[in-house]
Amino acid sequence: MGRCIVVTEQYQVTIQSQMGPRKGVLTLRYRGDRVTGSLEMVGYVNTVQGVRTEDGTIHLVHPIRTVISTIPCETDLELHGGCLRGTTTSRTARMRWEGALLRQEP
């Protein structure tokens, strides 16, 4: 049975929220087409999970916690040459993402 390699990437991200831009760090761990990780933003660590499709799009399901509430979200991201772009959709808003690769392991 073959060994499945886990690749970890970390991105500096900016999410354009209704309250203005929010900066954070997105960590993604890939195992095959499965994706897990975390989004650290405004003092909270939010667990993310999802899939990477054949065209490289990443679809994540995750909360975004704030001082006021926890918002369930779905996010679609495209990664190209160390840059990340995408959109988060929640029940009440759509937010744009931009980011840059900080590091990759292995």
N, C-alpha and C. Protein backbone atom coordinates (compact mmCIF):
# COMPACT_ATOMS: atom_id res chain seq x y z
N MET A 1 0.84 -1.17 0.00
CA MET A 1 0.00 0.00 0.00
C MET A 1 0.89 1.24 0.00
N GLY A 2 0.62 2.22 -0.87
CA GLY A 2 1.44 3.42 -1.00
C GLY A 2 1.24 4.39 0.14
N ARG A 3 2.27 5.14 0.40
CA ARG A 3 2.22 6.13 1.45
C ARG A 3 1.68 7.44 0.90
N CYS A 4 0.74 8.03 1.59
CA CYS A 4 0.13 9.29 1.16
C CYS A 4 0.93 10.45 1.77
N ILE A 5 1.44 11.32 0.92
CA ILE A 5 2.25 12.44 1.37
C ILE A 5 1.33 13.60 1.78
N VAL A 6 1.65 14.19 2.92
CA VAL A 6 0.93 15.37 3.39
C VAL A 6 1.77 16.60 3.07
N VAL A 7 1.17 17.55 2.38
CA VAL A 7 1.82 18.81 2.06
C VAL A 7 1.13 19.91 2.85
N THR A 8 1.91 20.78 3.47
CA THR A 8 1.36 21.89 4.24
C THR A 8 1.77 23.21 3.60
N GLU A 9 0.80 24.11 3.43
CA GLU A 9 1.06 25.45 2.92
C GLU A 9 0.48 26.47 3.89
N GLN A 10 1.19 27.58 4.02
CA GLN A 10 0.71 28.65 4.89
C GLN A 10 0.66 29.95 4.08
N TYR A 11 -0.46 30.66 4.17
CA TYR A 11 -0.69 31.89 3.40
C TYR A 11 -0.99 33.05 4.32
N GLN A 12 -0.44 34.22 4.01
CA GLN A 12 -0.86 35.48 4.63
C GLN A 12 -2.08 35.92 3.83
N VAL A 13 -3.23 36.12 4.48
CA VAL A 13 -4.46 36.43 3.75
C VAL A 13 -5.09 37.73 4.24
N THR A 14 -5.84 38.35 3.34
CA THR A 14 -6.68 39.50 3.68
C THR A 14 -8.08 39.18 3.18
N ILE A 15 -9.04 39.27 4.09
CA ILE A 15 -10.44 39.04 3.75
C ILE A 15 -11.15 40.39 3.81
N GLN A 16 -11.83 40.74 2.73
CA GLN A 16 -12.57 42.01 2.66
C GLN A 16 -13.95 41.80 3.28
N SER A 17 -14.07 42.06 4.57
CA SER A 17 -15.33 41.84 5.29
C SER A 17 -16.17 43.11 5.30
N GLN A 18 -17.39 42.99 5.80
CA GLN A 18 -18.28 44.14 5.92
C GLN A 18 -17.73 45.18 6.89
N MET A 19 -16.86 44.74 7.79
CA MET A 19 -16.25 45.64 8.78
C MET A 19 -14.90 46.16 8.31
N GLY A 20 -14.57 45.93 7.04
CA GLY A 20 -13.28 46.35 6.50
C GLY A 20 -12.35 45.16 6.35
N PRO A 21 -11.12 45.40 5.84
CA PRO A 21 -10.18 44.31 5.62
C PRO A 21 -9.76 43.65 6.93
N ARG A 22 -9.68 42.33 6.91
CA ARG A 22 -9.21 41.55 8.06
C ARG A 22 -8.04 40.70 7.60
N LYS A 23 -6.92 40.82 8.30
CA LYS A 23 -5.72 40.05 7.95
C LYS A 23 -5.64 38.81 8.82
N GLY A 24 -5.07 37.74 8.25
CA GLY A 24 -4.91 36.51 9.00
C GLY A 24 -3.93 35.58 8.32
N VAL A 25 -3.84 34.37 8.87
CA VAL A 25 -2.97 33.33 8.33
C VAL A 25 -3.81 32.08 8.10
N LEU A 26 -3.78 31.58 6.86
CA LEU A 26 -4.48 30.36 6.48
C LEU A 26 -3.45 29.25 6.33
N THR A 27 -3.63 28.17 7.07
CA THR A 27 -2.77 26.99 6.96
C THR A 27 -3.58 25.87 6.35
N LEU A 28 -3.07 25.30 5.26
CA LEU A 28 -3.75 24.20 4.57
C LEU A 28 -2.86 22.97 4.56
N ARG A 29 -3.45 21.80 4.88
CA ARG A 29 -2.76 20.51 4.81
C ARG A 29 -3.49 19.65 3.80
N TYR A 30 -2.75 19.21 2.79
CA TYR A 30 -3.33 18.40 1.71
C TYR A 30 -2.94 16.94 1.91
N ARG A 31 -3.91 16.06 1.84
CA ARG A 31 -3.68 14.61 1.81
C ARG A 31 -4.59 14.09 0.70
N GLY A 32 -3.97 13.84 -0.48
CA GLY A 32 -4.78 13.50 -1.64
C GLY A 32 -5.64 14.70 -2.00
N ASP A 33 -6.94 14.47 -2.17
CA ASP A 33 -7.83 15.60 -2.49
C ASP A 33 -8.48 16.22 -1.25
N ARG A 34 -8.18 15.67 -0.07
CA ARG A 34 -8.73 16.20 1.19
C ARG A 34 -7.87 17.36 1.68
N VAL A 35 -8.53 18.37 2.24
CA VAL A 35 -7.84 19.55 2.77
C VAL A 35 -8.34 19.80 4.19
N THR A 36 -7.40 20.00 5.11
CA THR A 36 -7.72 20.40 6.48
C THR A 36 -6.79 21.55 6.84
N GLY A 37 -7.07 22.21 7.93
CA GLY A 37 -6.18 23.28 8.36
C GLY A 37 -6.86 24.25 9.29
N SER A 38 -6.36 25.50 9.26
CA SER A 38 -6.89 26.52 10.16
C SER A 38 -6.79 27.91 9.54
N LEU A 39 -7.66 28.77 10.00
CA LEU A 39 -7.64 30.19 9.65
C LEU A 39 -7.51 30.96 10.96
N GLU A 40 -6.36 31.62 11.14
CA GLU A 40 -6.13 32.44 12.33
C GLU A 40 -6.43 33.88 11.95
N MET A 41 -7.42 34.46 12.64
CA MET A 41 -7.83 35.81 12.31
C MET A 41 -8.49 36.47 13.51
N VAL A 42 -8.21 37.73 13.74
CA VAL A 42 -8.72 38.54 14.85
C VAL A 42 -8.68 37.80 16.19
N GLY A 43 -7.56 37.12 16.44
CA GLY A 43 -7.36 36.47 17.72
C GLY A 43 -8.00 35.10 17.88
N TYR A 44 -8.63 34.57 16.84
CA TYR A 44 -9.28 33.26 16.91
C TYR A 44 -8.65 32.31 15.90
N VAL A 45 -8.65 31.02 16.24
CA VAL A 45 -8.22 29.97 15.32
C VAL A 45 -9.47 29.20 14.90
N ASN A 46 -9.78 29.24 13.61
CA ASN A 46 -10.95 28.58 13.04
C ASN A 46 -10.51 27.35 12.26
N THR A 47 -11.12 26.20 12.52
CA THR A 47 -10.80 24.98 11.79
C THR A 47 -11.43 25.03 10.40
N VAL A 48 -10.64 24.65 9.38
CA VAL A 48 -11.15 24.57 8.01
C VAL A 48 -11.01 23.14 7.51
N GLN A 49 -11.94 22.72 6.65
CA GLN A 49 -11.85 21.41 6.01
C GLN A 49 -12.54 21.47 4.67
N GLY A 50 -12.10 20.61 3.76
CA GLY A 50 -12.72 20.62 2.45
C GLY A 50 -12.01 19.72 1.47
N VAL A 51 -12.12 20.08 0.18
CA VAL A 51 -11.54 19.27 -0.89
C VAL A 51 -10.85 20.18 -1.92
N ARG A 52 -9.88 19.57 -2.60
CA ARG A 52 -9.23 20.22 -3.74
C ARG A 52 -9.69 19.48 -4.99
N THR A 53 -10.26 20.21 -5.95
CA THR A 53 -10.79 19.59 -7.16
C THR A 53 -9.67 19.37 -8.18
N GLU A 54 -9.99 18.65 -9.25
CA GLU A 54 -8.99 18.35 -10.28
C GLU A 54 -8.41 19.60 -10.92
N ASP A 55 -9.20 20.67 -11.01
CA ASP A 55 -8.68 21.92 -11.60
C ASP A 55 -7.91 22.77 -10.60
N GLY A 56 -7.74 22.27 -9.36
CA GLY A 56 -6.95 22.97 -8.35
C GLY A 56 -7.73 23.89 -7.44
N THR A 57 -9.03 24.08 -7.71
CA THR A 57 -9.86 24.90 -6.84
C THR A 57 -10.01 24.22 -5.48
N ILE A 58 -9.97 25.00 -4.43
CA ILE A 58 -10.15 24.47 -3.08
C ILE A 58 -11.50 24.95 -2.55
N HIS A 59 -12.32 24.00 -2.11
CA HIS A 59 -13.62 24.31 -1.53
C HIS A 59 -13.54 23.98 -0.04
N LEU A 60 -13.72 25.00 0.82
CA LEU A 60 -13.61 24.83 2.26
C LEU A 60 -14.94 25.14 2.95
N VAL A 61 -15.18 24.45 4.05
CA VAL A 61 -16.30 24.73 4.95
C VAL A 61 -15.66 25.06 6.30
N HIS A 62 -16.08 26.17 6.90
CA HIS A 62 -15.44 26.61 8.14
C HIS A 62 -16.25 27.71 8.80
N PRO A 63 -16.02 27.92 10.09
CA PRO A 63 -16.59 29.09 10.75
C PRO A 63 -15.60 30.26 10.68
N ILE A 64 -16.12 31.46 10.83
CA ILE A 64 -15.28 32.62 11.13
C ILE A 64 -15.81 33.18 12.44
N ARG A 65 -14.98 33.08 13.48
CA ARG A 65 -15.37 33.58 14.79
C ARG A 65 -14.95 35.02 14.95
N THR A 66 -15.82 35.80 15.55
CA THR A 66 -15.52 37.18 15.92
C THR A 66 -15.94 37.37 17.36
N VAL A 67 -15.70 38.55 17.89
CA VAL A 67 -16.11 38.85 19.26
C VAL A 67 -17.63 38.74 19.39
N ILE A 68 -18.34 39.11 18.33
CA ILE A 68 -19.80 39.16 18.37
C ILE A 68 -20.45 37.81 18.10
N SER A 69 -19.93 37.04 17.14
CA SER A 69 -20.61 35.81 16.74
C SER A 69 -19.67 34.85 16.03
N THR A 70 -20.20 33.67 15.72
CA THR A 70 -19.51 32.69 14.89
C THR A 70 -20.35 32.51 13.63
N ILE A 71 -19.71 32.73 12.47
CA ILE A 71 -20.42 32.72 11.20
C ILE A 71 -20.04 31.48 10.41
N PRO A 72 -20.99 30.57 10.09
CA PRO A 72 -20.69 29.42 9.23
C PRO A 72 -20.45 29.91 7.80
N CYS A 73 -19.38 29.41 7.16
CA CYS A 73 -19.01 29.90 5.83
C CYS A 73 -18.62 28.76 4.90
N GLU A 74 -18.73 29.04 3.61
CA GLU A 74 -18.17 28.20 2.55
C GLU A 74 -17.26 29.09 1.72
N THR A 75 -16.07 28.58 1.41
CA THR A 75 -15.08 29.37 0.69
C THR A 75 -14.55 28.60 -0.50
N ASP A 76 -14.44 29.27 -1.64
CA ASP A 76 -13.81 28.72 -2.84
C ASP A 76 -12.57 29.54 -3.13
N LEU A 77 -11.42 28.85 -3.23
CA LEU A 77 -10.14 29.51 -3.45
C LEU A 77 -9.45 28.97 -4.69
N GLU A 78 -8.75 29.85 -5.38
CA GLU A 78 -7.90 29.47 -6.51
C GLU A 78 -6.48 29.85 -6.15
N LEU A 79 -5.55 28.91 -6.37
CA LEU A 79 -4.15 29.13 -6.08
C LEU A 79 -3.37 29.15 -7.38
N HIS A 80 -2.57 30.21 -7.58
CA HIS A 80 -1.76 30.32 -8.79
C HIS A 80 -0.42 30.94 -8.44
N GLY A 81 0.65 30.17 -8.62
CA GLY A 81 1.99 30.70 -8.43
C GLY A 81 2.23 31.39 -7.10
N GLY A 82 1.77 30.81 -6.02
CA GLY A 82 1.98 31.38 -4.71
C GLY A 82 0.97 32.45 -4.31
N CYS A 83 0.01 32.74 -5.19
CA CYS A 83 -1.05 33.71 -4.88
C CYS A 83 -2.37 32.99 -4.69
N LEU A 84 -3.18 33.52 -3.82
CA LEU A 84 -4.47 32.93 -3.48
C LEU A 84 -5.54 34.00 -3.70
N ARG A 85 -6.64 33.61 -4.32
CA ARG A 85 -7.80 34.49 -4.50
C ARG A 85 -9.05 33.65 -4.33
N GLY A 86 -10.10 34.28 -3.83
CA GLY A 86 -11.34 33.52 -3.69
C GLY A 86 -12.45 34.32 -3.06
N THR A 87 -13.51 33.59 -2.73
CA THR A 87 -14.71 34.21 -2.17
C THR A 87 -15.28 33.32 -1.07
N THR A 88 -15.66 33.95 0.02
CA THR A 88 -16.39 33.29 1.10
C THR A 88 -17.85 33.71 1.01
N THR A 89 -18.73 32.73 1.18
CA THR A 89 -20.16 33.00 1.21
C THR A 89 -20.70 32.54 2.56
N SER A 90 -21.42 33.43 3.22
CA SER A 90 -22.12 33.07 4.46
C SER A 90 -23.59 33.39 4.25
N ARG A 91 -24.38 33.16 5.27
CA ARG A 91 -25.81 33.43 5.18
C ARG A 91 -26.10 34.91 4.91
N THR A 92 -25.21 35.78 5.39
CA THR A 92 -25.49 37.22 5.31
C THR A 92 -24.53 38.02 4.44
N ALA A 93 -23.45 37.41 3.94
CA ALA A 93 -22.46 38.22 3.22
C ALA A 93 -21.62 37.39 2.26
N ARG A 94 -20.96 38.11 1.34
CA ARG A 94 -19.91 37.54 0.48
C ARG A 94 -18.65 38.35 0.75
N MET A 95 -17.52 37.65 0.90
CA MET A 95 -16.26 38.33 1.20
C MET A 95 -15.18 37.84 0.25
N ARG A 96 -14.39 38.77 -0.27
CA ARG A 96 -13.29 38.42 -1.17
C ARG A 96 -12.02 38.15 -0.36
N TRP A 97 -11.22 37.20 -0.87
CA TRP A 97 -9.94 36.84 -0.27
C TRP A 97 -8.82 37.18 -1.23
N GLU A 98 -7.68 37.57 -0.67
CA GLU A 98 -6.42 37.65 -1.39
C GLU A 98 -5.35 37.17 -0.44
N GLY A 99 -4.31 36.54 -0.99
CA GLY A 99 -3.25 36.07 -0.11
C GLY A 99 -2.00 35.72 -0.87
N ALA A 100 -0.93 35.52 -0.09
CA ALA A 100 0.37 35.15 -0.66
C ALA A 100 0.98 34.04 0.18
N LEU A 101 1.63 33.11 -0.50
CA LEU A 101 2.27 31.97 0.15
C LEU A 101 3.40 32.45 1.06
N LEU A 102 3.36 32.01 2.32
CA LEU A 102 4.43 32.29 3.28
C LEU A 102 5.45 31.16 3.29
N ARG A 103 4.95 29.91 3.32
CA ARG A 103 5.86 28.76 3.31
C ARG A 103 5.12 27.50 2.92
N GLN A 104 5.91 26.52 2.47
CA GLN A 104 5.37 25.23 2.04
C GLN A 104 6.29 24.13 2.57
N GLU A 105 5.69 23.05 3.08
CA GLU A 105 6.44 21.89 3.58
C GLU A 105 5.77 20.62 3.08
N PRO A 106 6.38 19.55 2.74
CA PRO A 106 7.83 19.44 2.60
C PRO A 106 8.31 20.08 1.33
